[in-house]
Amino acid sequence: MEKISKCPFCHPQQDSHQHIVFENDTCYFLQHDGHQDVLEGSGVIVPKEHRQTTFDLSLNEWTGIYELLHQVKSNLDERFHPDGYTLGWNVGLVSNQTIPHAHFHVVPRYTDEPYAGKGLRYWLKQEDNRRIR
């Protein structure tokens, strides 16, 4: 199994604030203490092998992510009772992928949060996001 020595997702146990909540043969669901105050219940699903982007995942890893996502959703529904979810992948620095290891964001959403009703498309469709050519 390929691992990169300084990658926080290849070695999740090295960050005392990062916790493996669930795992299967191919991936982990990780939560980080520092994110829970604002993004209650949020976390990321990451492949155990180092894959730089979503496009590098194997079919087996996709299957593992799918299975883990449903386990995570059941758990988050029971613990936090969210009103919806924002799910997403960032690929490359321009998309804000700051850790070069593929990771799938699972973010529970709530009707009483300030940005309720504003998902990925909302932010991308803002007029000030228009490309200048």
N, C-alpha and C. Protein backbone atom coordinates (compact mmCIF):
# COMPACT_ATOMS: atom_id res chain seq x y z
N MET A 1 0.85 -1.17 0.00
CA MET A 1 0.00 0.00 0.00
C MET A 1 0.90 1.24 0.00
N GLU A 2 0.71 2.10 -1.00
CA GLU A 2 1.54 3.29 -1.11
C GLU A 2 1.11 4.34 -0.09
N LYS A 3 2.07 4.86 0.65
CA LYS A 3 1.83 5.94 1.61
C LYS A 3 2.93 6.98 1.43
N ILE A 4 2.59 8.23 1.59
CA ILE A 4 3.55 9.33 1.50
C ILE A 4 3.85 9.75 2.93
N SER A 5 5.13 9.85 3.28
CA SER A 5 5.54 10.03 4.68
C SER A 5 4.96 11.25 5.38
N LYS A 6 4.78 12.37 4.69
CA LYS A 6 4.29 13.58 5.34
C LYS A 6 2.80 13.86 5.07
N CYS A 7 2.12 12.94 4.44
CA CYS A 7 0.71 13.16 4.10
C CYS A 7 -0.17 12.86 5.31
N PRO A 8 -0.97 13.84 5.77
CA PRO A 8 -1.81 13.62 6.95
C PRO A 8 -2.93 12.59 6.73
N PHE A 9 -3.28 12.34 5.47
CA PHE A 9 -4.32 11.34 5.21
C PHE A 9 -3.73 9.94 5.03
N CYS A 10 -2.46 9.85 4.71
CA CYS A 10 -1.79 8.54 4.67
C CYS A 10 -1.52 8.03 6.08
N HIS A 11 -1.34 8.96 7.01
CA HIS A 11 -1.02 8.62 8.40
C HIS A 11 -1.94 9.38 9.36
N PRO A 12 -3.23 9.08 9.34
CA PRO A 12 -4.18 9.87 10.14
C PRO A 12 -3.91 9.80 11.64
N GLN A 13 -3.31 8.74 12.10
CA GLN A 13 -3.05 8.58 13.53
C GLN A 13 -1.95 9.52 14.04
N GLN A 14 -1.20 10.16 13.14
CA GLN A 14 -0.13 11.07 13.56
C GLN A 14 -0.65 12.44 14.01
N ASP A 15 -1.89 12.75 13.71
CA ASP A 15 -2.51 14.01 14.14
C ASP A 15 -3.47 13.68 15.27
N SER A 16 -3.13 14.11 16.47
CA SER A 16 -3.95 13.76 17.64
C SER A 16 -5.36 14.37 17.59
N HIS A 17 -5.58 15.34 16.70
CA HIS A 17 -6.90 15.97 16.57
C HIS A 17 -7.76 15.32 15.48
N GLN A 18 -7.15 14.39 14.74
CA GLN A 18 -7.84 13.71 13.65
C GLN A 18 -8.19 12.30 14.10
N HIS A 19 -9.43 11.89 13.88
CA HIS A 19 -9.89 10.60 14.39
C HIS A 19 -10.50 9.75 13.29
N ILE A 20 -10.13 8.48 13.26
CA ILE A 20 -10.77 7.53 12.35
C ILE A 20 -12.07 7.11 13.03
N VAL A 21 -13.18 7.47 12.42
CA VAL A 21 -14.49 7.16 12.99
C VAL A 21 -14.97 5.81 12.45
N PHE A 22 -14.81 5.61 11.15
CA PHE A 22 -15.16 4.35 10.49
C PHE A 22 -14.10 4.05 9.46
N GLU A 23 -13.97 2.77 9.13
CA GLU A 23 -13.08 2.38 8.04
C GLU A 23 -13.55 1.07 7.46
N ASN A 24 -13.12 0.83 6.24
CA ASN A 24 -13.31 -0.47 5.61
C ASN A 24 -11.98 -0.85 4.95
N ASP A 25 -11.96 -1.78 4.05
CA ASP A 25 -10.70 -2.24 3.47
C ASP A 25 -9.97 -1.16 2.68
N THR A 26 -10.71 -0.23 2.09
CA THR A 26 -10.08 0.72 1.18
C THR A 26 -10.02 2.17 1.67
N CYS A 27 -10.83 2.53 2.67
CA CYS A 27 -10.87 3.95 3.05
C CYS A 27 -11.26 4.16 4.51
N TYR A 28 -11.05 5.42 4.94
CA TYR A 28 -11.38 5.87 6.29
C TYR A 28 -12.42 6.98 6.20
N PHE A 29 -13.22 7.15 7.26
CA PHE A 29 -13.96 8.39 7.48
C PHE A 29 -13.28 9.07 8.65
N LEU A 30 -12.75 10.26 8.41
CA LEU A 30 -12.00 11.00 9.42
C LEU A 30 -12.76 12.25 9.85
N GLN A 31 -12.70 12.54 11.13
CA GLN A 31 -13.19 13.81 11.65
C GLN A 31 -12.05 14.48 12.39
N HIS A 32 -12.04 15.80 12.35
CA HIS A 32 -10.97 16.59 12.96
C HIS A 32 -11.59 17.48 14.04
N ASP A 33 -11.02 17.45 15.24
CA ASP A 33 -11.54 18.24 16.36
C ASP A 33 -11.70 19.72 16.01
N GLY A 34 -10.78 20.25 15.26
CA GLY A 34 -10.78 21.68 14.95
C GLY A 34 -11.92 22.12 14.05
N HIS A 35 -12.61 21.19 13.40
CA HIS A 35 -13.68 21.55 12.48
C HIS A 35 -15.07 21.40 13.10
N GLN A 36 -15.16 20.76 14.22
CA GLN A 36 -16.46 20.38 14.75
C GLN A 36 -17.25 21.54 15.36
N ASP A 37 -16.58 22.61 15.77
CA ASP A 37 -17.32 23.75 16.34
C ASP A 37 -18.20 24.42 15.31
N VAL A 38 -17.71 24.56 14.07
CA VAL A 38 -18.47 25.23 13.03
C VAL A 38 -19.20 24.22 12.15
N LEU A 39 -18.52 23.17 11.77
CA LEU A 39 -19.08 22.18 10.85
C LEU A 39 -19.44 20.91 11.61
N GLU A 40 -20.42 21.01 12.48
CA GLU A 40 -20.79 19.91 13.37
C GLU A 40 -21.08 18.62 12.58
N GLY A 41 -20.33 17.57 12.90
CA GLY A 41 -20.52 16.27 12.29
C GLY A 41 -19.76 16.06 11.00
N SER A 42 -19.10 17.10 10.49
CA SER A 42 -18.43 16.98 9.19
C SER A 42 -17.18 16.12 9.27
N GLY A 43 -16.78 15.64 8.12
CA GLY A 43 -15.56 14.85 8.02
C GLY A 43 -15.24 14.58 6.57
N VAL A 44 -14.23 13.75 6.36
CA VAL A 44 -13.82 13.39 5.00
C VAL A 44 -13.65 11.88 4.90
N ILE A 45 -13.97 11.38 3.73
CA ILE A 45 -13.69 9.98 3.41
C ILE A 45 -12.46 10.00 2.52
N VAL A 46 -11.43 9.26 2.93
CA VAL A 46 -10.17 9.24 2.18
C VAL A 46 -9.75 7.80 1.88
N PRO A 47 -9.19 7.58 0.70
CA PRO A 47 -8.65 6.25 0.42
C PRO A 47 -7.42 6.00 1.28
N LYS A 48 -7.23 4.76 1.69
CA LYS A 48 -6.06 4.40 2.50
C LYS A 48 -4.77 4.51 1.69
N GLU A 49 -4.86 4.16 0.41
CA GLU A 49 -3.68 4.33 -0.45
C GLU A 49 -3.62 5.78 -0.90
N HIS A 50 -2.42 6.28 -1.10
CA HIS A 50 -2.27 7.66 -1.53
C HIS A 50 -2.70 7.80 -2.98
N ARG A 51 -3.76 8.55 -3.17
CA ARG A 51 -4.27 8.90 -4.50
C ARG A 51 -4.36 10.41 -4.52
N GLN A 52 -3.66 11.03 -5.44
CA GLN A 52 -3.60 12.49 -5.42
C GLN A 52 -4.96 13.13 -5.69
N THR A 53 -5.71 12.60 -6.64
CA THR A 53 -7.01 13.20 -6.95
C THR A 53 -8.09 12.13 -7.09
N THR A 54 -9.30 12.58 -7.17
CA THR A 54 -10.46 11.72 -7.38
C THR A 54 -10.28 10.87 -8.63
N PHE A 55 -9.68 11.45 -9.65
CA PHE A 55 -9.52 10.76 -10.92
C PHE A 55 -8.53 9.60 -10.86
N ASP A 56 -7.79 9.50 -9.76
CA ASP A 56 -6.81 8.42 -9.59
C ASP A 56 -7.37 7.23 -8.82
N LEU A 57 -8.61 7.29 -8.38
CA LEU A 57 -9.20 6.21 -7.57
C LEU A 57 -9.49 4.97 -8.41
N SER A 58 -9.33 3.82 -7.79
CA SER A 58 -9.68 2.56 -8.45
C SER A 58 -11.18 2.29 -8.28
N LEU A 59 -11.69 1.38 -9.08
CA LEU A 59 -13.10 1.00 -8.96
C LEU A 59 -13.36 0.42 -7.57
N ASN A 60 -12.43 -0.34 -7.04
CA ASN A 60 -12.56 -0.90 -5.70
C ASN A 60 -12.65 0.21 -4.64
N GLU A 61 -11.85 1.25 -4.80
CA GLU A 61 -11.90 2.39 -3.86
C GLU A 61 -13.24 3.13 -3.97
N TRP A 62 -13.74 3.31 -5.19
CA TRP A 62 -15.05 3.94 -5.37
C TRP A 62 -16.13 3.16 -4.65
N THR A 63 -16.06 1.83 -4.75
CA THR A 63 -17.04 0.98 -4.07
C THR A 63 -16.92 1.14 -2.56
N GLY A 64 -15.69 1.18 -2.05
CA GLY A 64 -15.48 1.37 -0.61
C GLY A 64 -15.99 2.72 -0.13
N ILE A 65 -15.79 3.75 -0.92
CA ILE A 65 -16.28 5.09 -0.58
C ILE A 65 -17.80 5.08 -0.53
N TYR A 66 -18.43 4.48 -1.52
CA TYR A 66 -19.89 4.38 -1.58
C TYR A 66 -20.43 3.69 -0.32
N GLU A 67 -19.84 2.55 0.03
CA GLU A 67 -20.29 1.80 1.20
C GLU A 67 -20.10 2.61 2.48
N LEU A 68 -18.94 3.24 2.62
CA LEU A 68 -18.65 4.02 3.82
C LEU A 68 -19.56 5.24 3.91
N LEU A 69 -19.85 5.88 2.79
CA LEU A 69 -20.72 7.05 2.79
C LEU A 69 -22.09 6.71 3.40
N HIS A 70 -22.64 5.58 3.07
CA HIS A 70 -23.94 5.21 3.62
C HIS A 70 -23.86 4.89 5.12
N GLN A 71 -22.76 4.30 5.55
CA GLN A 71 -22.55 4.05 6.98
C GLN A 71 -22.42 5.38 7.72
N VAL A 72 -21.65 6.29 7.16
CA VAL A 72 -21.45 7.62 7.76
C VAL A 72 -22.77 8.37 7.85
N LYS A 73 -23.55 8.36 6.76
CA LYS A 73 -24.83 9.08 6.76
C LYS A 73 -25.76 8.54 7.85
N SER A 74 -25.85 7.25 7.98
CA SER A 74 -26.71 6.66 9.03
C SER A 74 -26.27 7.13 10.41
N ASN A 75 -24.98 7.14 10.64
CA ASN A 75 -24.45 7.57 11.93
C ASN A 75 -24.71 9.05 12.17
N LEU A 76 -24.45 9.89 11.18
CA LEU A 76 -24.64 11.33 11.34
C LEU A 76 -26.13 11.67 11.50
N ASP A 77 -26.99 10.97 10.76
CA ASP A 77 -28.43 11.18 10.92
C ASP A 77 -28.87 10.88 12.35
N GLU A 78 -28.36 9.80 12.89
CA GLU A 78 -28.73 9.40 14.26
C GLU A 78 -28.15 10.35 15.31
N ARG A 79 -26.91 10.78 15.14
CA ARG A 79 -26.25 11.61 16.15
C ARG A 79 -26.60 13.09 16.07
N PHE A 80 -26.72 13.64 14.84
CA PHE A 80 -26.84 15.08 14.69
C PHE A 80 -28.16 15.54 14.06
N HIS A 81 -28.90 14.67 13.43
CA HIS A 81 -30.19 14.99 12.80
C HIS A 81 -30.09 16.17 11.84
N PRO A 82 -29.17 16.12 10.88
CA PRO A 82 -29.06 17.23 9.93
C PRO A 82 -30.28 17.31 9.03
N ASP A 83 -30.47 18.48 8.43
CA ASP A 83 -31.58 18.71 7.52
C ASP A 83 -31.18 18.46 6.06
N GLY A 84 -29.91 18.28 5.82
CA GLY A 84 -29.39 18.03 4.48
C GLY A 84 -27.90 17.80 4.55
N TYR A 85 -27.29 17.67 3.39
CA TYR A 85 -25.84 17.44 3.31
C TYR A 85 -25.26 18.21 2.13
N THR A 86 -24.03 18.64 2.27
CA THR A 86 -23.22 19.10 1.15
C THR A 86 -22.09 18.09 1.04
N LEU A 87 -21.93 17.52 -0.15
CA LEU A 87 -20.91 16.52 -0.41
C LEU A 87 -20.02 17.04 -1.53
N GLY A 88 -18.72 16.80 -1.42
CA GLY A 88 -17.90 17.29 -2.52
C GLY A 88 -16.44 16.90 -2.51
N TRP A 89 -15.89 16.95 -3.71
CA TRP A 89 -14.48 16.72 -3.97
C TRP A 89 -13.87 18.03 -4.47
N ASN A 90 -12.68 18.36 -4.03
CA ASN A 90 -11.90 19.43 -4.63
C ASN A 90 -10.72 18.76 -5.33
N VAL A 91 -10.42 19.19 -6.54
CA VAL A 91 -9.32 18.61 -7.30
C VAL A 91 -8.41 19.73 -7.78
N GLY A 92 -7.20 19.78 -7.27
CA GLY A 92 -6.23 20.79 -7.65
C GLY A 92 -6.32 22.03 -6.78
N LEU A 93 -5.23 22.78 -6.77
CA LEU A 93 -5.16 23.99 -5.93
C LEU A 93 -6.23 25.02 -6.28
N VAL A 94 -6.56 25.18 -7.57
CA VAL A 94 -7.54 26.18 -7.96
C VAL A 94 -8.92 25.83 -7.41
N SER A 95 -9.13 24.57 -7.07
CA SER A 95 -10.40 24.14 -6.48
C SER A 95 -10.31 24.07 -4.96
N ASN A 96 -9.19 24.50 -4.40
CA ASN A 96 -8.95 24.53 -2.95
C ASN A 96 -8.61 23.16 -2.37
N GLN A 97 -8.00 22.29 -3.19
CA GLN A 97 -7.49 21.02 -2.66
C GLN A 97 -6.12 21.32 -2.05
N THR A 98 -6.09 21.55 -0.74
CA THR A 98 -4.85 21.95 -0.08
C THR A 98 -4.02 20.75 0.38
N ILE A 99 -4.62 19.58 0.48
CA ILE A 99 -3.89 18.35 0.80
C ILE A 99 -3.95 17.49 -0.46
N PRO A 100 -2.79 17.19 -1.06
CA PRO A 100 -2.79 16.45 -2.33
C PRO A 100 -3.02 14.94 -2.14
N HIS A 101 -4.10 14.61 -1.45
CA HIS A 101 -4.56 13.23 -1.28
C HIS A 101 -6.07 13.32 -1.43
N ALA A 102 -6.64 12.57 -2.37
CA ALA A 102 -8.07 12.64 -2.63
C ALA A 102 -8.87 12.52 -1.33
N HIS A 103 -9.86 13.37 -1.16
CA HIS A 103 -10.72 13.30 0.02
C HIS A 103 -12.10 13.86 -0.31
N PHE A 104 -13.11 13.14 0.17
CA PHE A 104 -14.51 13.42 -0.12
C PHE A 104 -15.14 14.06 1.11
N HIS A 105 -15.51 15.33 0.99
CA HIS A 105 -16.10 16.07 2.11
C HIS A 105 -17.54 15.64 2.34
N VAL A 106 -17.87 15.35 3.59
CA VAL A 106 -19.23 15.03 4.01
C VAL A 106 -19.60 16.07 5.06
N VAL A 107 -20.48 17.00 4.68
CA VAL A 107 -20.81 18.13 5.56
C VAL A 107 -22.31 18.15 5.83
N PRO A 108 -22.72 17.78 7.06
CA PRO A 108 -24.13 17.89 7.41
C PRO A 108 -24.54 19.37 7.40
N ARG A 109 -25.78 19.64 6.96
CA ARG A 109 -26.29 21.01 6.90
C ARG A 109 -27.56 21.12 7.73
N TYR A 110 -27.79 22.32 8.27
CA TYR A 110 -28.88 22.55 9.21
C TYR A 110 -29.66 23.80 8.82
N THR A 111 -30.97 23.78 9.00
CA THR A 111 -31.81 24.92 8.62
C THR A 111 -31.51 26.17 9.44
N ASP A 112 -30.94 26.02 10.63
CA ASP A 112 -30.68 27.19 11.47
C ASP A 112 -29.26 27.75 11.32
N GLU A 113 -28.51 27.29 10.32
CA GLU A 113 -27.17 27.85 10.11
C GLU A 113 -27.27 29.07 9.20
N PRO A 114 -26.35 30.03 9.33
CA PRO A 114 -26.42 31.26 8.54
C PRO A 114 -26.42 31.05 7.03
N TYR A 115 -25.73 30.03 6.53
CA TYR A 115 -25.66 29.79 5.09
C TYR A 115 -26.60 28.67 4.63
N ALA A 116 -27.64 28.38 5.40
CA ALA A 116 -28.61 27.37 5.00
C ALA A 116 -29.17 27.73 3.62
N GLY A 117 -29.30 26.75 2.78
CA GLY A 117 -29.81 26.98 1.43
C GLY A 117 -28.76 27.41 0.44
N LYS A 118 -27.52 27.56 0.89
CA LYS A 118 -26.45 27.99 0.01
C LYS A 118 -25.41 26.87 -0.08
N GLY A 119 -25.48 26.12 -1.17
CA GLY A 119 -24.55 25.02 -1.39
C GLY A 119 -23.47 25.41 -2.37
N LEU A 120 -22.87 24.42 -2.98
CA LEU A 120 -21.76 24.64 -3.89
C LEU A 120 -22.12 25.56 -5.05
N ARG A 121 -23.27 25.32 -5.67
CA ARG A 121 -23.67 26.13 -6.82
C ARG A 121 -23.86 27.60 -6.45
N TYR A 122 -24.35 27.86 -5.25
CA TYR A 122 -24.56 29.24 -4.83
C TYR A 122 -23.24 30.02 -4.92
N TRP A 123 -22.19 29.45 -4.35
CA TRP A 123 -20.91 30.16 -4.30
C TRP A 123 -20.30 30.28 -5.69
N LEU A 124 -20.46 29.27 -6.51
CA LEU A 124 -19.88 29.31 -7.85
C LEU A 124 -20.62 30.27 -8.78
N LYS A 125 -21.90 30.51 -8.55
CA LYS A 125 -22.71 31.34 -9.44
C LYS A 125 -22.65 32.83 -9.09
N GLN A 126 -21.89 33.21 -8.10
CA GLN A 126 -21.81 34.62 -7.73
C GLN A 126 -21.19 35.43 -8.87
N GLU A 127 -21.75 36.59 -9.13
CA GLU A 127 -21.27 37.45 -10.22
C GLU A 127 -19.77 37.75 -10.09
N ASP A 128 -19.30 37.94 -8.85
CA ASP A 128 -17.87 38.25 -8.68
C ASP A 128 -16.97 37.04 -8.90
N ASN A 129 -17.56 35.88 -9.23
CA ASN A 129 -16.77 34.70 -9.57
C ASN A 129 -16.61 34.56 -11.09
N ARG A 130 -17.15 35.50 -11.84
CA ARG A 130 -17.07 35.45 -13.31
C ARG A 130 -15.60 35.58 -13.74
N ARG A 131 -15.19 34.76 -14.70
CA ARG A 131 -13.84 34.84 -15.23
C ARG A 131 -13.66 36.12 -16.03
N ILE A 132 -12.49 36.71 -15.92
CA ILE A 132 -12.16 37.91 -16.69
C ILE A 132 -11.31 37.46 -17.87
N ARG A 133 -11.78 37.75 -19.06
CA ARG A 133 -11.05 37.32 -20.26
C ARG A 133 -10.61 38.50 -21.07
